[in-house]
Protein backbone atom coordinates (compact mmCIF):
# COMPACT_ATOMS: atom_id res chain seq x y z
CA MET A 1 32.15 33.63 36.21
CA THR A 2 30.23 30.33 36.20
CA GLU A 3 27.78 29.45 33.49
CA PRO A 4 24.65 29.55 35.71
CA ASN A 5 25.53 33.11 36.75
CA ARG A 6 25.91 34.08 33.11
CA THR A 7 22.50 32.57 32.37
CA GLU A 8 20.93 34.49 35.25
CA MET A 9 22.48 37.72 33.95
CA LEU A 10 21.04 37.14 30.49
CA ASN A 11 17.69 36.30 32.06
CA MET A 12 17.64 39.67 33.84
CA LEU A 13 18.07 41.65 30.62
CA PRO A 14 15.01 43.60 29.41
CA PRO A 15 12.68 41.39 27.36
CA PRO A 16 13.09 41.79 23.59
CA ASP A 17 10.52 43.71 21.60
CA THR A 18 8.59 41.04 19.71
CA THR A 19 5.85 43.32 18.39
CA SER A 20 6.95 43.13 14.74
CA ARG A 21 7.47 39.37 14.94
CA LYS A 22 4.02 38.88 16.45
CA ALA A 23 2.48 41.08 13.76
CA VAL A 24 4.10 38.96 11.04
CA ALA A 25 2.97 35.74 12.74
CA ILE A 26 -0.61 37.00 13.10
CA SER A 27 -0.75 38.17 9.48
CA CYS A 28 0.68 34.87 8.30
CA GLY A 29 -1.80 33.00 10.50
CA LEU A 30 -4.79 34.84 9.07
CA LEU A 31 -3.60 34.16 5.53
CA VAL A 32 -3.16 30.48 6.37
CA LEU A 33 -6.69 30.30 7.82
CA VAL A 34 -8.15 31.72 4.61
CA MET A 35 -6.13 29.24 2.54
CA VAL A 36 -7.18 26.36 4.80
CA ALA A 37 -10.88 27.23 4.45
CA TRP A 38 -10.71 27.64 0.67
CA THR A 39 -8.59 24.58 -0.09
CA SER A 40 -10.48 22.37 2.38
CA VAL A 41 -13.72 23.09 0.51
CA CYS A 42 -12.03 22.28 -2.80
CA ALA A 43 -10.47 19.06 -1.48
CA GLY A 44 -13.74 18.04 0.16
CA LEU A 45 -15.74 18.56 -3.03
CA LEU A 46 -13.16 16.63 -5.06
CA SER A 47 -13.15 13.73 -2.59
CA VAL A 48 -16.94 13.58 -2.27
CA GLY A 49 -17.33 13.75 -6.04
CA SER A 50 -14.92 10.83 -6.46
CA PHE A 51 -16.79 8.80 -3.86
CA VAL A 52 -20.20 9.49 -5.43
CA ALA A 53 -18.92 8.56 -8.90
CA ASP A 54 -17.41 5.22 -7.78
CA PRO A 55 -17.42 4.43 -4.03
CA VAL A 56 -15.38 1.23 -4.33
CA LEU A 57 -12.68 2.85 -6.46
CA ALA A 58 -12.55 5.91 -4.18
CA VAL A 59 -12.17 3.82 -1.00
CA PHE A 60 -9.52 1.58 -2.60
CA SER A 61 -7.61 4.63 -3.86
CA GLY A 62 -7.75 6.40 -0.50
CA LEU A 63 -6.68 3.37 1.50
CA SER A 64 -3.86 2.57 -0.92
CA ALA A 65 -2.54 6.14 -0.88
CA VAL A 66 -2.55 6.27 2.93
CA ALA A 67 -1.25 2.74 3.56
CA LEU A 68 1.75 3.10 1.26
CA ALA A 69 2.70 6.40 2.93
CA ILE A 70 2.91 4.84 6.41
CA PRO A 71 6.45 3.37 6.00
CA TYR A 72 7.76 6.77 4.94
CA GLY A 73 6.00 8.41 7.87
CA LEU A 74 7.69 5.96 10.24
CA VAL A 75 11.11 6.78 8.77
CA ILE A 76 10.44 10.49 9.29
CA LEU A 77 9.42 9.85 12.92
CA TRP A 78 12.57 7.77 13.40
CA LEU A 79 14.70 10.67 12.17
CA ASP A 80 12.96 12.96 14.68
CA ARG A 81 14.23 10.98 17.68
CA ASN A 82 16.23 13.53 19.65
CA GLU A 83 14.29 16.76 20.05
CA LYS A 84 10.84 15.53 19.08
CA GLU A 85 8.55 17.97 17.31
CA PRO A 86 5.01 18.66 18.58
CA PRO A 87 2.62 16.07 17.08
CA LEU A 88 0.04 18.74 16.24
CA LEU A 89 2.60 20.79 14.31
CA MET A 90 3.79 17.69 12.44
CA LEU A 91 0.18 16.85 11.56
CA SER A 92 -0.33 20.44 10.39
CA ALA A 93 2.69 20.14 8.07
CA PHE A 94 1.30 16.90 6.64
CA LEU A 95 -2.15 18.44 6.12
CA TRP A 96 -0.66 21.52 4.46
CA GLY A 97 0.86 19.24 1.85
CA ALA A 98 -2.27 17.10 1.54
CA VAL A 99 -4.84 19.91 1.34
CA ILE A 100 -3.42 23.40 0.76
CA ALA A 101 -0.49 22.56 -1.53
CA THR A 102 -2.38 19.97 -3.59
CA MET A 103 -5.40 22.17 -4.21
CA ILE A 104 -3.34 25.23 -5.14
CA SER A 105 -1.23 23.05 -7.44
CA TYR A 106 -4.26 21.29 -8.91
CA ILE A 107 -5.91 24.60 -9.89
CA LEU A 108 -2.76 26.33 -11.15
CA ASN A 109 -1.44 23.30 -13.04
CA THR A 110 -4.83 22.78 -14.68
CA THR A 111 -4.90 26.44 -15.70
CA ALA A 112 -1.33 26.24 -17.04
CA GLY A 113 -2.22 23.07 -18.93
CA VAL A 114 -5.16 24.76 -20.63
CA MET A 115 -3.02 27.76 -21.59
CA ILE A 116 -0.22 25.57 -22.97
CA SER A 117 -2.75 23.46 -24.90
CA GLY A 118 -4.02 26.64 -26.51
CA VAL A 119 -0.55 27.34 -27.87
CA VAL A 120 0.71 23.79 -28.50
CA THR A 121 -1.80 21.77 -30.50
CA ASN A 122 -0.15 18.40 -29.81
CA ALA A 123 -1.79 17.12 -26.60
CA GLN A 124 1.13 14.86 -25.64
CA ILE A 125 3.66 17.67 -25.95
CA ALA A 126 1.38 20.04 -24.05
CA ASN A 127 1.02 17.55 -21.19
CA GLN A 128 4.78 17.03 -21.06
CA LEU A 129 5.44 20.77 -20.98
CA THR A 130 2.97 21.14 -18.11
CA ALA A 131 4.61 18.29 -16.20
CA SER A 132 8.14 19.54 -16.84
CA PHE A 133 7.72 23.25 -16.18
CA SER A 134 4.44 24.09 -14.47
CA ALA A 135 4.38 21.22 -11.95
CA PRO A 136 7.88 21.75 -10.46
CA LEU A 137 7.42 25.52 -10.21
CA VAL A 138 3.88 25.49 -8.80
CA GLU A 139 4.06 22.43 -6.57
CA GLU A 140 7.43 23.13 -4.96
CA THR A 141 6.43 26.73 -4.31
CA ALA A 142 3.12 25.65 -2.74
CA LYS A 143 4.89 23.12 -0.53
CA GLY A 144 7.81 25.41 0.24
CA ALA A 145 5.38 28.06 1.47
CA ALA A 146 4.64 25.72 4.38
CA MET A 147 8.26 25.92 5.48
CA ILE A 148 8.19 29.71 5.34
CA ALA A 149 4.98 29.74 7.42
CA LEU A 150 6.52 27.36 9.96
CA TYR A 151 9.60 29.55 10.28
CA LEU A 152 7.61 32.75 10.68
CA MET A 153 5.01 31.36 13.10
CA PHE A 154 6.85 28.57 14.97
CA ARG A 155 10.54 29.39 14.73
CA HIS A 156 11.15 28.03 18.25
CA HIS A 157 10.18 24.58 16.94
CA LEU A 158 12.26 24.79 13.76
CA ASP A 159 15.62 24.62 15.51
CA ASN A 160 18.02 23.13 13.02
CA VAL A 161 18.58 21.37 9.71
CA LEU A 162 17.01 18.09 10.81
CA ASP A 163 13.81 19.87 11.83
CA GLY A 164 13.67 21.37 8.34
CA VAL A 165 14.11 17.94 6.77
CA VAL A 166 11.40 16.42 9.00
CA TYR A 167 8.82 19.13 8.39
CA GLY A 168 9.64 19.32 4.68
CA ALA A 169 9.34 15.55 4.26
CA LEU A 170 5.99 15.58 6.06
CA VAL A 171 4.65 18.32 3.79
CA GLY A 172 5.81 16.36 0.75
CA LEU A 173 4.36 13.12 2.09
CA GLY A 174 0.98 14.76 2.61
CA PHE A 175 1.10 16.10 -0.95
CA ALA A 176 1.97 12.66 -2.33
CA VAL A 177 -0.92 10.99 -0.48
CA PHE A 178 -3.64 13.23 -1.89
CA GLU A 179 -2.07 13.54 -5.34
CA ASN A 180 -1.84 9.76 -5.58
CA PHE A 181 -5.48 9.48 -4.53
CA ILE A 182 -6.47 11.83 -7.36
CA TYR A 183 -4.40 9.88 -9.89
CA TYR A 184 -5.81 6.54 -8.75
CA VAL A 185 -9.47 7.55 -8.96
CA ASN A 186 -8.90 9.24 -12.33
CA THR A 187 -7.97 5.88 -13.87
CA GLY A 188 -11.68 5.06 -13.73
CA SER A 189 -11.24 1.40 -12.83
CA LEU A 190 -9.86 -0.83 -10.08
CA SER A 191 -7.47 -2.53 -12.49
CA GLY A 192 -6.13 0.80 -13.69
CA ALA A 193 -5.81 2.08 -10.12
CA LEU A 194 -3.99 -1.10 -9.08
CA GLN A 195 -1.46 -0.68 -11.86
CA LEU A 196 -0.88 2.93 -10.89
CA VAL A 197 -0.53 1.95 -7.23
CA CYS A 198 2.31 -0.37 -8.23
CA ILE A 199 3.98 2.39 -10.22
CA ARG A 200 3.39 5.55 -8.13
CA GLY A 201 2.85 4.06 -4.68
CA VAL A 202 5.54 1.38 -4.67
CA ILE A 203 8.25 1.71 -7.31
CA THR A 204 8.66 5.45 -7.91
CA SER A 205 7.65 6.87 -4.52
CA PRO A 206 10.97 6.92 -2.53
CA GLY A 207 12.49 10.00 -4.15
CA THR A 208 9.51 12.10 -5.13
CA HIS A 209 7.56 14.68 -3.12
CA ALA A 210 8.84 13.85 0.38
CA CYS A 211 12.41 14.03 -0.93
CA PHE A 212 11.77 17.20 -2.97
CA THR A 213 10.38 19.20 -0.07
CA ALA A 214 12.91 17.78 2.40
CA ILE A 215 15.56 19.55 0.31
CA THR A 216 13.67 22.83 0.65
CA GLY A 217 13.20 22.17 4.38
CA ALA A 218 16.91 21.49 4.86
CA SER A 219 17.74 24.89 3.36
CA ILE A 220 15.34 26.60 5.78
CA GLY A 221 16.98 24.68 8.63
CA MET A 222 20.41 25.85 7.47
CA PHE A 223 19.10 29.42 7.34
CA ARG A 224 17.99 29.01 10.97
CA VAL A 225 21.31 27.57 12.12
CA MET A 226 23.50 30.19 10.44
CA ARG A 227 21.59 33.04 12.20
CA SER A 228 23.59 35.80 10.50
CA GLY A 229 25.52 36.67 7.38
CA VAL A 230 24.62 37.56 3.81
CA MET A 231 25.04 34.00 2.51
CA ARG A 232 22.22 32.63 4.63
CA TRP A 233 19.69 34.61 2.57
CA PHE A 234 20.68 32.64 -0.53
CA LEU A 235 20.04 29.28 1.14
CA PRO A 236 16.21 29.11 0.98
CA PRO A 237 16.02 30.18 -2.70
CA ALA A 238 18.83 27.74 -3.52
CA GLY A 239 17.04 24.91 -1.67
CA LEU A 240 13.75 25.64 -3.43
CA ALA A 241 15.49 25.87 -6.81
CA THR A 242 17.20 22.53 -6.17
CA ALA A 243 13.86 20.93 -5.28
CA MET A 244 12.37 22.33 -8.50
CA PHE A 245 15.32 21.00 -10.52
CA VAL A 246 15.01 17.50 -9.03
CA HIS A 247 11.26 17.58 -9.68
CA PHE A 248 11.83 18.79 -13.25
CA SER A 249 14.42 16.07 -13.88
CA TRP A 250 12.08 13.35 -12.66
CA ASN A 251 9.07 14.57 -14.64
CA THR A 252 11.11 15.16 -17.79
CA PHE A 253 13.66 12.37 -18.09
CA THR A 254 11.66 9.42 -16.73
CA ALA A 255 10.19 9.08 -20.23
CA PHE A 256 13.58 7.89 -21.50
CA PHE A 257 13.32 4.83 -19.23
CA VAL A 258 9.68 3.95 -19.92
CA THR A 259 8.92 1.04 -22.25
CA ASP A 260 5.76 -0.04 -24.05
CA SER A 261 5.43 -3.02 -21.72
CA PHE A 262 3.83 -2.67 -18.31
CA ILE A 263 5.84 -5.63 -17.00
CA GLY A 264 8.98 -4.18 -18.51
CA ASN A 265 8.37 -0.91 -16.71
CA LEU A 266 7.85 -2.71 -13.41
CA VAL A 267 10.89 -4.96 -13.75
CA TYR A 268 13.58 -2.69 -15.19
CA GLY A 269 12.32 0.54 -16.80
CA LEU A 270 11.04 2.47 -13.80
CA PRO A 271 13.46 0.90 -11.27
CA MET A 272 16.31 2.10 -13.50
CA ALA A 273 14.77 5.58 -13.59
CA VAL A 274 14.59 5.56 -9.79
CA VAL A 275 18.25 4.55 -9.51
CA VAL A 276 19.46 7.19 -11.97
CA LEU A 277 17.11 10.11 -11.26
CA GLN A 278 16.08 9.65 -7.63
CA ALA A 279 18.76 7.73 -5.76
CA PRO A 280 21.42 10.51 -5.79
CA PHE A 281 19.04 13.00 -4.18
CA VAL A 282 17.62 10.49 -1.73
CA MET A 283 21.19 9.74 -0.66
CA LEU A 284 21.83 13.48 -0.36
CA VAL A 285 18.83 13.92 1.95
CA LEU A 286 19.91 10.91 4.02
CA LEU A 287 23.48 12.24 4.24
CA VAL A 288 22.25 15.66 5.37
CA SER A 289 19.94 13.99 7.89
CA GLY A 290 22.80 11.87 9.23
CA LEU A 291 25.05 14.89 9.66
CA ALA A 292 22.20 16.80 11.31
CA LEU A 293 21.63 13.91 13.73
CA TRP A 294 25.33 13.89 14.58
CA HIS A 295 25.14 17.65 15.13
CA GLU A 296 22.17 17.23 17.48
CA THR A 297 23.95 14.52 19.46
CA SER A 298 27.09 16.63 19.79
CA LEU A 299 25.01 19.60 20.97
CA ILE A 300 23.31 17.51 23.65
CA GLU A 301 26.65 16.19 24.93
CA ARG A 302 28.39 19.56 24.76
CA PHE A 303 25.74 21.60 26.56
CA LEU A 304 24.81 19.04 29.21
CA LYS A 305 28.24 17.87 30.33
CA SER A 306 28.63 20.92 32.61
CA GLU A 307 25.31 20.29 34.40
CA ARG A 308 25.35 18.83 37.90
CA PRO A 309 22.80 17.14 40.22
CA PRO A 310 19.93 17.60 40.69
CA VAL A 311 19.64 18.95 37.12
CA LEU A 312 21.71 16.12 35.63
CA HIS A 313 22.46 13.06 37.77
CA ASP A 314 25.54 10.86 37.55
CA ASP A 315 25.63 8.61 34.46
CA GLU A 316 22.37 10.17 33.19
CA LEU A 317 24.11 11.70 30.19
CA SER A 318 25.61 8.35 29.17
CA SER A 319 22.12 6.83 29.03
CA LEU A 320 20.73 9.82 27.13
CA ILE A 321 22.85 9.59 24.00
CA PRO A 322 22.91 8.02 21.52
CA ALA A 323 19.16 7.72 21.07
CA ARG A 324 19.15 3.91 21.06
CA ARG A 325 20.25 3.90 24.71
CA ARG A 326 17.25 6.02 25.66
CA SER A 327 14.95 3.72 23.72
CA LEU A 328 16.39 0.56 25.27
CA LYS A 329 16.11 1.94 28.80
CA SER A 330 12.55 3.13 28.25
CA MET A 331 11.61 -0.24 26.78
CA ARG A 332 13.17 -2.10 29.71
CA LEU A 333 11.27 0.00 32.24
CA LEU A 334 8.03 -0.44 30.32
CA LEU A 335 8.41 -4.21 29.91
CA THR A 336 9.22 -4.68 33.61
CA GLY A 337 6.09 -2.80 34.64
CA GLN A 338 7.89 0.26 36.04
CA LEU A 339 5.38 2.69 34.58
CA ARG A 340 6.19 5.55 36.93
CA GLY A 341 9.91 5.16 36.26
CA TRP A 342 9.23 4.95 32.52
CA TRP A 343 7.24 8.19 32.59
CA LEU A 344 9.87 9.93 34.75
CA VAL A 345 12.74 8.91 32.48
CA ARG A 346 10.90 10.00 29.33
CA ARG A 347 10.01 13.34 30.90
CA ARG A 348 13.53 13.98 32.15
CA ASN A 349 15.04 12.99 28.80
CA ALA A 350 12.79 15.42 26.95
CA LEU A 351 13.60 18.24 29.37
CA LEU A 352 17.33 17.58 29.30
CA ILE A 353 17.41 17.63 25.51
CA GLU A 354 15.34 20.80 25.47
CA LEU A 355 17.75 22.31 28.01
CA ALA A 356 20.71 21.53 25.74
CA PHE A 357 19.05 23.17 22.74
CA GLU A 358 17.97 26.23 24.72
CA LYS A 359 21.54 26.69 25.98
CA TRP A 360 22.80 26.37 22.41
CA HIS A 361 20.38 29.02 21.16
CA MET A 362 21.17 31.25 24.14
CA ASP A 363 24.93 31.14 23.58
CA ALA A 364 24.71 31.57 19.79
CA GLU A 365 22.33 34.52 19.99
CA ALA A 366 24.17 36.15 22.90
CA ALA A 367 27.36 36.05 20.81
CA LEU A 368 25.52 37.97 18.08
CA GLY A 369 24.02 40.45 20.52
CA ASP A 370 20.53 39.17 19.68
CA THR A 371 17.99 40.04 22.38
CA SER A 372 16.35 36.65 21.85
CA ALA A 373 19.14 35.25 24.05
CA ARG A 374 17.16 36.61 27.01
CA VAL A 375 14.16 34.45 26.06
CA HIS A 376 16.29 31.32 25.84
CA ALA A 377 18.04 32.16 29.12
CA GLY A 378 14.66 32.40 30.83
CA ARG A 379 13.70 29.01 29.49
CA VAL A 380 17.02 27.54 30.67
CA VAL A 381 16.30 28.77 34.20
CA GLU A 382 12.78 27.30 34.10
CA ILE A 383 13.95 23.91 32.85
CA ARG A 384 16.70 23.71 35.46
CA LYS A 385 14.16 24.40 38.21
CA GLU A 386 11.78 21.76 36.86
CA LEU A 387 14.55 19.16 36.56
CA GLY A 388 15.82 20.02 40.04
CA ALA A 389 12.39 19.42 41.54
CA MET A 390 12.07 15.97 39.92
CA ALA A 391 13.15 12.73 41.54
CA ALA A 392 16.31 10.97 40.39
CA PRO A 393 15.63 8.60 37.48
CA PRO A 394 15.69 4.84 38.07
CA ALA A 395 18.97 3.11 37.31
């Protein structure tokens, strides 16, 4: 029996009952709306208060926090180069980190700090205990909640490990932007903010919040890929615990590398802390991302090689992967003024990659007897029809 016939058979199965899943998504959505309203008011009041107190410092702090996050945002977008995520959903992940997670963490960490100060009379020790224990627990949980919400409400967009890394890194990046803004304005002066920008925004930023939450996101992505088995249920807690441990290590052991000299910290103290405490986990995230990219590329090749014209034209697969070939072809069409061809190629590439992923989900879930295979089969049929109706791409 040929593959298209198998797809048609799956497509004719009764639709799965999604009532419980929709109920969970709606409940989660309502909870998120309440959190968005509450935390947005808190963040707005905090931002306006900072601006009223010192407009110049507030503007400098905001621009510095955003500008220094742009390179990391570009790296995240570069990682998401095969099956691109919806821009609105990516923005939502960023804003969750910037607004919801920061405000929840700000309130809970402040409360924990007051409680610890009531027990520990030494202010320095109390602050360190808050940074070492409250911050990792509260902040990673607040950011990790975004990944749970994404899985429950938009599982069809959280396909694999790389998607988890991308969304997790965006949540963490959003958190870092607003947290840095708060730290900068709290220095009370432009000179103090500039020093902190050098420390937090430049030297120590690579392996902090974006890296922490990317680890949590990767575990959610692994949970999605495994689909079944008892072990998959241990992955999200393990990922969150790892993120907390990395956060704890950074907040706790950086003090051993700090010197009494600001220049000394810039030149060797903090860079050494980054190398020892951050670099191993940054490399881990990059390694996982590289393996996930390889997995995506292999899926595209595996599930498209059986397609025939007019769904997949001759030599179209060879120009589809790796991603740099797609980019070079799109750039060539754009630079030579072939706007229609450029749009057609981009549209076909996106549909072909989506087709490969839908076939992957369909086969994996059909093997488990999951009724969701019917949904993916229906999407496969739709994509094939749409590709078949399109013109052949330019050579």
